[in-house]
Amino acid sequence: MKKDTVALLMEETGCDRSEAELALQLCSYDLESAVQAVPRLFQHVVIFKGRVRSAPESLYGLWLAILNLKEGRLLRARAVVSYNPAVYASELDTHWFDFEGRLYACRLWAGTAQGLSQELEAVLSKTFDSPEAKPFYEEGKRFSGDAFAPLKAAMGGVLGGGLDLEARQDVLDLGQFREVRPSASPPPRTRPKRGSRGGTLVLHIAVEPDPEAGVAASELRAGDLVYASINDQRDIAQYLAKLFGARGESGPAPIVVPVEAVERTEGRVGLRVRFSAGVCGDVELPGPLKVKTSRRPARGSWWKRFIG
């Protein structure tokens, strides 16, 4: 890919990388919609971040959950569990994007329990997707202490008893700090902020073909879901493949990921998919090749519902 879609959004709006990645996810990786939406997008996003400790089991963890209040759905759930107590020393008052980066860094440390990390992510998803989590999706509410008791109990089923859980809530409302320009006026082209957080790790990938019922690569759009496997031979790539579930006992295994950007040239199509914050994958395909897809998300009606 010639240019990262996240970088393009940063240039168009002046937002930083954390805001750009989340905005693209909220807009099904539609760059044009994300450019128009950035000034008002985050007023309906709440982030919970926390750390957890099981002293009897000598287990330490970090977790993060991002909620879309407007749609009442969980956007992202991430967790790490380790036997290394330094994980628990992570501060909760850091920017959520830096906190998520710290979480991923801890996954690379010695002592990480990969199986327990995946189980804890499943607990987060199940908890925030359950009917009991409805209060967390009410706008304007603040949560602390006893509000996280159900989550603490669910985590105890994975990490054992004697659990200590700390949580902090972040509310994003970019519209309070930036001018909302009329849609008729295009946003000014600016350079990304100096010191923008993070970077992008681009992995070599393969996508699963489907000659019978697949969609031609030339017809794929940003936001479509494809089956991608990581065939990058670098150590960091192999480690991430295991964390994402994209590697089985017999080698690379495909997982469903969203297409972030499509670049078409003569007879060829370049795809960029998004695995997580800061981790993408690139592949170039023949235009006629049929690719296995999971579903095609709605575009216009979804966006109208989002902004009301």
Foldseek 3Di string as FASTA:
>chain_A
DPDDLLQVLCQQAQDFSVLSVVLCLLQLLPSVLSNQCSLFQQQQKKKKKKKKAAVVQLKIKIKIWIARLLVQATSDIFMWIFSDCVRNVDDPPDDPVVVVVSRVVVCPDPGTDLVLRVVLSVLVRPVSPDPLVNVVSDRPDADFDPVCVVSQVSNCVRRNPPMDMGMHMDGDGSNVPDPNDPPVDRGDRHHHDPPRDAAADEFAKDFAFDVPPFDFLLPDARSWKTWMWTPGPDPVSVSVCVSLVQADPVGGHTDIWTWNHWDDDVQKIKTWTDSDRRYIYIDMDGRRTGTDTDDHDDRDVSSVSSVD
